[in-house]
N, C-alpha and C. Protein backbone atom coordinates (compact mmCIF):
# COMPACT_ATOMS: atom_id res chain seq x y z
N MET A 1 -18.70 14.20 49.23
CA MET A 1 -17.58 14.93 48.94
C MET A 1 -16.98 14.50 47.73
N PRO A 2 -16.57 15.35 46.76
CA PRO A 2 -15.99 15.05 45.59
C PRO A 2 -14.72 14.36 45.38
N THR A 3 -14.33 13.61 44.51
CA THR A 3 -13.42 12.63 44.27
C THR A 3 -12.32 13.18 43.27
N TYR A 4 -11.10 13.25 43.60
CA TYR A 4 -10.17 13.56 42.51
C TYR A 4 -9.10 12.67 42.24
N ARG A 5 -8.70 12.45 41.05
CA ARG A 5 -7.77 11.58 40.62
C ARG A 5 -6.55 12.37 40.29
N TYR A 6 -5.43 11.86 40.87
CA TYR A 6 -4.36 12.95 40.62
C TYR A 6 -3.03 12.21 40.20
N LEU A 7 -2.40 12.89 39.56
CA LEU A 7 -0.36 12.29 39.52
C LEU A 7 0.34 13.30 40.20
N ALA A 8 0.94 13.02 40.91
CA ALA A 8 2.07 13.70 41.81
C ALA A 8 3.31 13.28 41.80
N LEU A 9 4.39 14.03 42.18
CA LEU A 9 5.69 13.54 42.32
C LEU A 9 5.88 13.45 43.79
N SER A 10 6.80 12.77 44.25
CA SER A 10 7.29 12.77 45.73
C SER A 10 8.39 13.60 45.82
N PRO A 11 8.91 13.71 46.89
CA PRO A 11 10.15 14.68 47.04
C PRO A 11 11.33 14.00 46.21
N ASP A 12 11.39 12.53 46.24
CA ASP A 12 12.52 11.90 45.41
C ASP A 12 12.31 11.90 43.92
N GLY A 13 11.32 12.53 43.54
CA GLY A 13 10.81 12.63 42.02
C GLY A 13 10.07 11.32 41.51
N ARG A 14 9.52 10.56 42.34
CA ARG A 14 8.55 9.21 41.88
C ARG A 14 7.32 9.65 41.56
N ARG A 15 6.72 9.18 40.53
CA ARG A 15 5.32 9.43 40.34
C ARG A 15 4.38 8.55 40.97
N GLN A 16 3.25 9.30 41.65
CA GLN A 16 2.31 8.60 42.58
C GLN A 16 1.15 8.93 41.78
N ARG A 17 0.05 7.89 41.63
CA ARG A 17 -1.28 8.07 40.84
C ARG A 17 -2.10 7.44 41.94
N ASP A 18 -2.98 8.22 42.27
CA ASP A 18 -4.35 7.65 43.21
C ASP A 18 -5.23 8.66 43.02
N VAL A 19 -6.22 8.29 44.01
CA VAL A 19 -7.39 9.15 44.18
C VAL A 19 -7.54 9.63 45.75
N LEU A 20 -8.18 10.84 45.94
CA LEU A 20 -8.66 11.37 47.11
C LEU A 20 -9.79 12.12 47.17
N GLN A 21 -10.23 12.52 48.36
CA GLN A 21 -11.56 13.19 48.53
C GLN A 21 -11.32 14.28 49.25
N ALA A 22 -11.82 15.43 48.38
CA ALA A 22 -11.58 16.85 49.08
C ALA A 22 -12.95 17.55 48.64
N GLU A 23 -13.16 18.82 49.51
CA GLU A 23 -14.25 19.64 49.01
C GLU A 23 -14.09 20.42 47.74
N SER A 24 -12.90 20.76 47.22
CA SER A 24 -12.82 21.60 46.19
C SER A 24 -11.29 21.21 45.59
N GLU A 25 -11.12 21.56 44.46
CA GLU A 25 -9.89 21.39 43.86
C GLU A 25 -8.47 22.04 44.61
N ARG A 26 -8.84 23.28 45.07
CA ARG A 26 -8.05 23.72 45.89
C ARG A 26 -7.36 22.75 47.32
N GLN A 27 -8.73 22.48 48.15
CA GLN A 27 -8.19 21.72 49.06
C GLN A 27 -7.54 20.27 48.73
N ALA A 28 -7.85 19.66 47.83
CA ALA A 28 -7.09 18.57 47.24
C ALA A 28 -5.65 18.86 46.90
N ARG A 29 -5.29 19.94 46.23
CA ARG A 29 -3.99 20.42 46.09
C ARG A 29 -3.45 20.46 47.45
N GLN A 30 -3.83 21.06 48.44
CA GLN A 30 -3.47 21.54 49.84
C GLN A 30 -3.09 20.04 50.54
N LEU A 31 -3.89 19.03 50.29
CA LEU A 31 -3.87 17.76 50.95
C LEU A 31 -2.57 17.16 50.34
N LEU A 32 -2.34 17.06 48.81
CA LEU A 32 -1.43 16.67 48.39
C LEU A 32 0.14 17.25 48.80
N HIS A 33 -0.13 18.66 49.07
CA HIS A 33 1.11 19.12 49.67
C HIS A 33 1.43 18.99 51.07
N GLU A 34 0.51 18.75 51.67
CA GLU A 34 0.37 18.16 53.21
C GLU A 34 1.16 16.78 53.18
N ARG A 35 0.83 16.08 52.10
CA ARG A 35 1.68 14.75 52.21
C ARG A 35 2.90 14.72 51.37
N GLY A 36 3.34 15.67 51.16
CA GLY A 36 4.69 16.07 50.60
C GLY A 36 4.83 15.76 49.12
N LEU A 37 3.67 15.79 48.61
CA LEU A 37 3.66 15.43 47.13
C LEU A 37 3.50 16.82 46.15
N PHE A 38 3.95 16.87 45.05
CA PHE A 38 3.72 17.81 44.39
C PHE A 38 2.87 17.78 43.03
N PRO A 39 1.48 18.08 43.04
CA PRO A 39 0.53 17.65 42.06
C PRO A 39 1.15 18.17 40.66
N ARG A 40 1.06 17.08 39.82
CA ARG A 40 1.12 17.49 38.28
C ARG A 40 0.02 17.46 37.54
N ARG A 41 -1.07 16.65 37.92
CA ARG A 41 -2.39 16.67 37.37
C ARG A 41 -3.30 16.33 38.34
N LEU A 42 -4.50 17.03 38.29
CA LEU A 42 -5.46 16.72 39.18
C LEU A 42 -7.03 17.06 38.44
N ALA A 43 -7.80 15.83 38.57
CA ALA A 43 -9.24 16.03 37.56
C ALA A 43 -10.10 15.43 38.52
N LEU A 44 -11.35 15.84 38.65
CA LEU A 44 -12.53 15.61 39.34
C LEU A 44 -12.95 14.04 38.44
N VAL A 45 -13.34 13.19 39.56
CA VAL A 45 -13.67 12.02 39.04
C VAL A 45 -15.35 11.75 38.99
N ARG A 46 -15.93 11.25 37.93
CA ARG A 46 -17.26 10.90 38.05
C ARG A 46 -17.50 9.94 39.28
N SER A 47 -18.82 10.10 39.78
CA SER A 47 -18.94 8.95 41.18
C SER A 47 -18.91 7.39 40.71
N ALA A 48 -19.11 7.25 39.54
CA ALA A 48 -19.08 5.70 39.12
C ALA A 48 -17.49 5.46 38.97
N ASP A 49 -16.68 6.31 38.69
CA ASP A 49 -15.42 5.74 38.65
C ASP A 49 -14.91 6.01 40.12
N ALA A 50 -14.91 6.86 40.66
CA ALA A 50 -14.77 6.89 41.91
C ALA A 50 -15.11 5.65 42.83
N ALA A 51 -16.09 4.99 42.63
CA ALA A 51 -16.63 3.87 43.32
C ALA A 51 -16.06 2.47 43.03
N GLY A 52 -15.27 2.74 41.61
CA GLY A 52 -14.77 1.60 41.22
C GLY A 52 -15.55 0.76 40.44
N ARG A 53 -16.65 1.33 40.14
CA ARG A 53 -17.45 0.41 39.12
C ARG A 53 -17.16 0.53 37.67
N SER A 54 -16.29 1.50 37.33
CA SER A 54 -15.74 1.41 35.84
C SER A 54 -14.65 0.38 35.69
N ALA A 55 -14.27 -0.01 36.64
CA ALA A 55 -13.17 -1.00 36.90
C ALA A 55 -13.65 -2.69 36.65
N GLY A 56 -14.96 -2.60 36.08
CA GLY A 56 -15.43 -4.15 35.92
C GLY A 56 -16.46 -4.21 36.88
N ARG A 57 -17.02 -5.48 37.20
CA ARG A 57 -17.98 -5.78 38.12
C ARG A 57 -17.64 -5.68 39.62
N GLY A 58 -16.41 -5.05 40.05
CA GLY A 58 -15.97 -4.92 41.34
C GLY A 58 -15.73 -6.35 41.89
N ARG A 59 -15.21 -7.19 41.16
CA ARG A 59 -14.67 -8.63 41.61
C ARG A 59 -13.30 -9.06 41.55
N LEU A 60 -12.67 -9.42 42.47
CA LEU A 60 -11.20 -9.97 42.41
C LEU A 60 -11.11 -11.37 41.88
N ASP A 61 -10.25 -11.67 41.24
CA ASP A 61 -10.00 -13.13 40.68
C ASP A 61 -9.60 -13.84 42.21
N THR A 62 -9.67 -15.31 42.15
CA THR A 62 -9.41 -16.10 43.39
C THR A 62 -8.01 -15.91 44.05
N THR A 63 -7.34 -15.75 43.30
CA THR A 63 -5.68 -15.49 43.67
C THR A 63 -5.79 -14.41 44.58
N SER A 64 -6.07 -13.21 44.00
CA SER A 64 -6.06 -12.00 44.38
C SER A 64 -6.89 -11.67 45.65
N LEU A 65 -8.07 -12.48 45.67
CA LEU A 65 -8.71 -12.18 47.02
C LEU A 65 -8.13 -13.14 48.18
N ALA A 66 -7.60 -14.13 47.62
CA ALA A 66 -7.01 -14.84 48.91
C ALA A 66 -5.77 -14.14 49.26
N LEU A 67 -5.02 -13.61 48.50
CA LEU A 67 -3.71 -12.71 48.74
C LEU A 67 -4.11 -11.77 49.84
N LEU A 68 -5.25 -10.98 49.39
CA LEU A 68 -5.71 -9.86 50.11
C LEU A 68 -6.55 -10.10 51.28
N THR A 69 -7.00 -11.47 51.50
CA THR A 69 -7.53 -11.82 52.91
C THR A 69 -6.39 -12.06 53.69
N ARG A 70 -5.45 -12.68 53.21
CA ARG A 70 -4.37 -13.12 54.26
C ARG A 70 -3.69 -11.87 54.66
N GLN A 71 -3.35 -10.99 53.82
CA GLN A 71 -2.75 -9.73 54.21
C GLN A 71 -3.42 -8.72 55.29
N LEU A 72 -4.85 -9.15 54.99
CA LEU A 72 -5.73 -8.29 55.97
C LEU A 72 -5.74 -9.13 57.21
N ALA A 73 -5.96 -10.31 57.22
CA ALA A 73 -5.63 -10.97 58.53
C ALA A 73 -4.41 -10.76 59.23
N THR A 74 -3.12 -10.75 58.56
CA THR A 74 -2.08 -10.31 59.26
C THR A 74 -1.97 -8.95 59.89
N LEU A 75 -2.55 -8.12 59.27
CA LEU A 75 -2.40 -6.70 59.83
C LEU A 75 -3.58 -6.65 60.89
N ILE A 76 -4.69 -7.48 61.14
CA ILE A 76 -5.54 -7.24 61.90
C ILE A 76 -4.90 -7.79 63.23
N ASP A 77 -4.42 -8.94 63.06
CA ASP A 77 -3.76 -9.99 64.08
C ASP A 77 -2.63 -9.15 64.59
N ALA A 78 -1.76 -8.08 63.88
CA ALA A 78 -0.79 -7.19 64.53
C ALA A 78 -1.45 -6.19 65.25
N GLY A 79 -2.82 -5.96 65.30
CA GLY A 79 -3.25 -4.90 66.40
C GLY A 79 -3.60 -3.47 65.48
N ILE A 80 -3.77 -3.67 64.12
CA ILE A 80 -3.88 -2.40 63.55
C ILE A 80 -5.25 -2.44 63.04
N PRO A 81 -5.86 -1.46 63.38
CA PRO A 81 -7.36 -1.14 63.03
C PRO A 81 -7.85 -1.67 61.90
N LEU A 82 -9.05 -1.93 61.48
CA LEU A 82 -9.43 -2.50 60.01
C LEU A 82 -9.49 -1.20 59.17
N SER A 83 -9.87 0.02 59.45
CA SER A 83 -9.81 0.90 58.53
C SER A 83 -8.42 1.33 58.19
N ASP A 84 -7.47 1.50 59.03
CA ASP A 84 -5.97 1.34 58.85
C ASP A 84 -5.39 0.34 57.93
N ALA A 85 -5.79 -0.83 58.22
CA ALA A 85 -5.50 -1.97 57.32
C ALA A 85 -5.80 -1.95 56.08
N LEU A 86 -7.02 -1.45 55.88
CA LEU A 86 -7.60 -1.29 54.53
C LEU A 86 -6.93 -0.16 53.66
N ASP A 87 -6.66 0.71 54.43
CA ASP A 87 -6.00 2.11 53.69
C ASP A 87 -4.81 1.56 53.30
N ALA A 88 -3.90 0.78 54.18
CA ALA A 88 -2.51 0.43 53.67
C ALA A 88 -2.65 -0.56 52.64
N LEU A 89 -3.54 -1.67 52.56
CA LEU A 89 -3.81 -2.32 51.47
C LEU A 89 -4.10 -1.65 50.08
N THR A 90 -4.92 -0.84 50.17
CA THR A 90 -5.36 0.10 49.26
C THR A 90 -4.00 0.73 48.51
N ARG A 91 -3.23 1.48 49.41
CA ARG A 91 -2.08 2.21 48.70
C ARG A 91 -1.13 0.99 48.12
N GLN A 92 -1.23 -0.22 48.47
CA GLN A 92 -0.01 -1.14 47.98
C GLN A 92 -0.71 -1.68 46.94
N ALA A 93 -2.02 -1.72 46.41
CA ALA A 93 -2.41 -2.30 45.43
C ALA A 93 -1.67 -2.03 43.89
N GLU A 94 -1.22 -2.98 43.41
CA GLU A 94 -0.66 -2.57 41.98
C GLU A 94 -1.19 -2.29 40.69
N ARG A 95 -2.64 -3.02 40.87
CA ARG A 95 -3.44 -2.74 39.56
C ARG A 95 -4.70 -1.63 39.88
N GLN A 96 -4.90 -0.55 38.96
CA GLN A 96 -6.02 0.17 39.27
C GLN A 96 -7.14 -0.47 39.72
N ARG A 97 -7.44 -1.54 38.99
CA ARG A 97 -8.94 -2.09 39.47
C ARG A 97 -8.80 -2.56 40.89
N GLU A 98 -7.76 -3.26 41.45
CA GLU A 98 -7.59 -3.58 42.68
C GLU A 98 -7.72 -2.46 43.57
N ARG A 99 -7.02 -1.32 43.35
CA ARG A 99 -6.95 -0.10 44.11
C ARG A 99 -8.24 0.46 44.32
N ALA A 100 -9.02 0.63 43.03
CA ALA A 100 -10.63 1.29 43.18
C ALA A 100 -11.47 0.27 43.98
N LEU A 101 -11.35 -0.72 43.93
CA LEU A 101 -12.13 -1.78 44.71
C LEU A 101 -11.84 -1.78 46.36
N ARG A 102 -10.17 -1.89 46.47
CA ARG A 102 -10.14 -1.69 47.78
C ARG A 102 -10.54 -0.34 48.43
N TRP A 103 -10.32 0.81 47.76
CA TRP A 103 -10.68 1.91 48.08
C TRP A 103 -12.08 2.01 48.49
N ARG A 104 -13.06 1.44 47.73
CA ARG A 104 -14.42 1.42 48.05
C ARG A 104 -14.60 0.61 49.28
N TRP A 105 -13.97 -0.48 49.41
CA TRP A 105 -14.20 -1.22 50.75
C TRP A 105 -13.96 -0.27 51.94
N ALA A 106 -12.44 0.36 51.72
CA ALA A 106 -12.11 1.35 53.00
C ALA A 106 -13.02 2.46 53.18
N LEU A 107 -13.48 2.87 52.17
CA LEU A 107 -14.72 4.07 52.22
C LEU A 107 -15.91 3.55 53.10
N GLY A 108 -16.33 2.34 52.52
CA GLY A 108 -17.67 1.73 53.36
C GLY A 108 -17.12 1.49 54.80
N CYS A 109 -16.06 1.08 54.98
CA CYS A 109 -15.73 0.83 56.46
C CYS A 109 -15.65 1.95 57.16
N ALA A 110 -14.95 3.10 56.47
CA ALA A 110 -15.21 4.60 57.15
C ALA A 110 -16.33 5.07 57.68
N LYS A 111 -17.36 4.87 56.66
CA LYS A 111 -18.84 5.24 56.70
C LYS A 111 -19.55 4.38 57.89
N ALA A 112 -19.12 3.36 58.11
CA ALA A 112 -19.94 2.34 59.11
C ALA A 112 -19.88 3.05 60.42
N THR A 113 -21.16 3.19 60.79
CA THR A 113 -20.94 3.63 62.25
C THR A 113 -21.53 2.62 63.28
N ARG A 114 -22.21 1.63 62.78
CA ARG A 114 -22.51 0.43 63.50
C ARG A 114 -22.45 -0.71 62.68
N TRP A 115 -21.70 -1.83 63.29
CA TRP A 115 -21.62 -3.02 62.49
C TRP A 115 -22.83 -4.00 63.06
N PRO A 116 -23.14 -4.80 61.93
CA PRO A 116 -24.25 -5.70 62.43
C PRO A 116 -23.70 -6.71 63.24
N THR A 117 -24.60 -7.37 64.24
CA THR A 117 -24.42 -8.12 65.09
C THR A 117 -25.11 -9.69 64.61
N ALA A 118 -24.20 -10.64 65.00
CA ALA A 118 -24.78 -12.13 64.65
C ALA A 118 -25.73 -12.69 65.58
């Protein structure tokens, strides 16, 4: 499914930048409207960019990884499903590189139909 990068305005006028997957540009705009956002810019993203590969080698520094792990553990301990926890952490990422990497992890989690057993 194609990925679109967008810049949108929230009802209170704040700018939001992120990515979303949709079958077409029209569907992407519709999804943004359903979220209560007003799209200002919408662009199709190359697959390498969408997967976060353009943001470097796909690694986090030690401090960011420790913080992400702690936040994820807290959300899971609170009973939030893994996919929802990863989605929440993706939206909270301050740097585009971290957001792209977390988005790739969340997408991998959503695609997993069976987890390996030890």
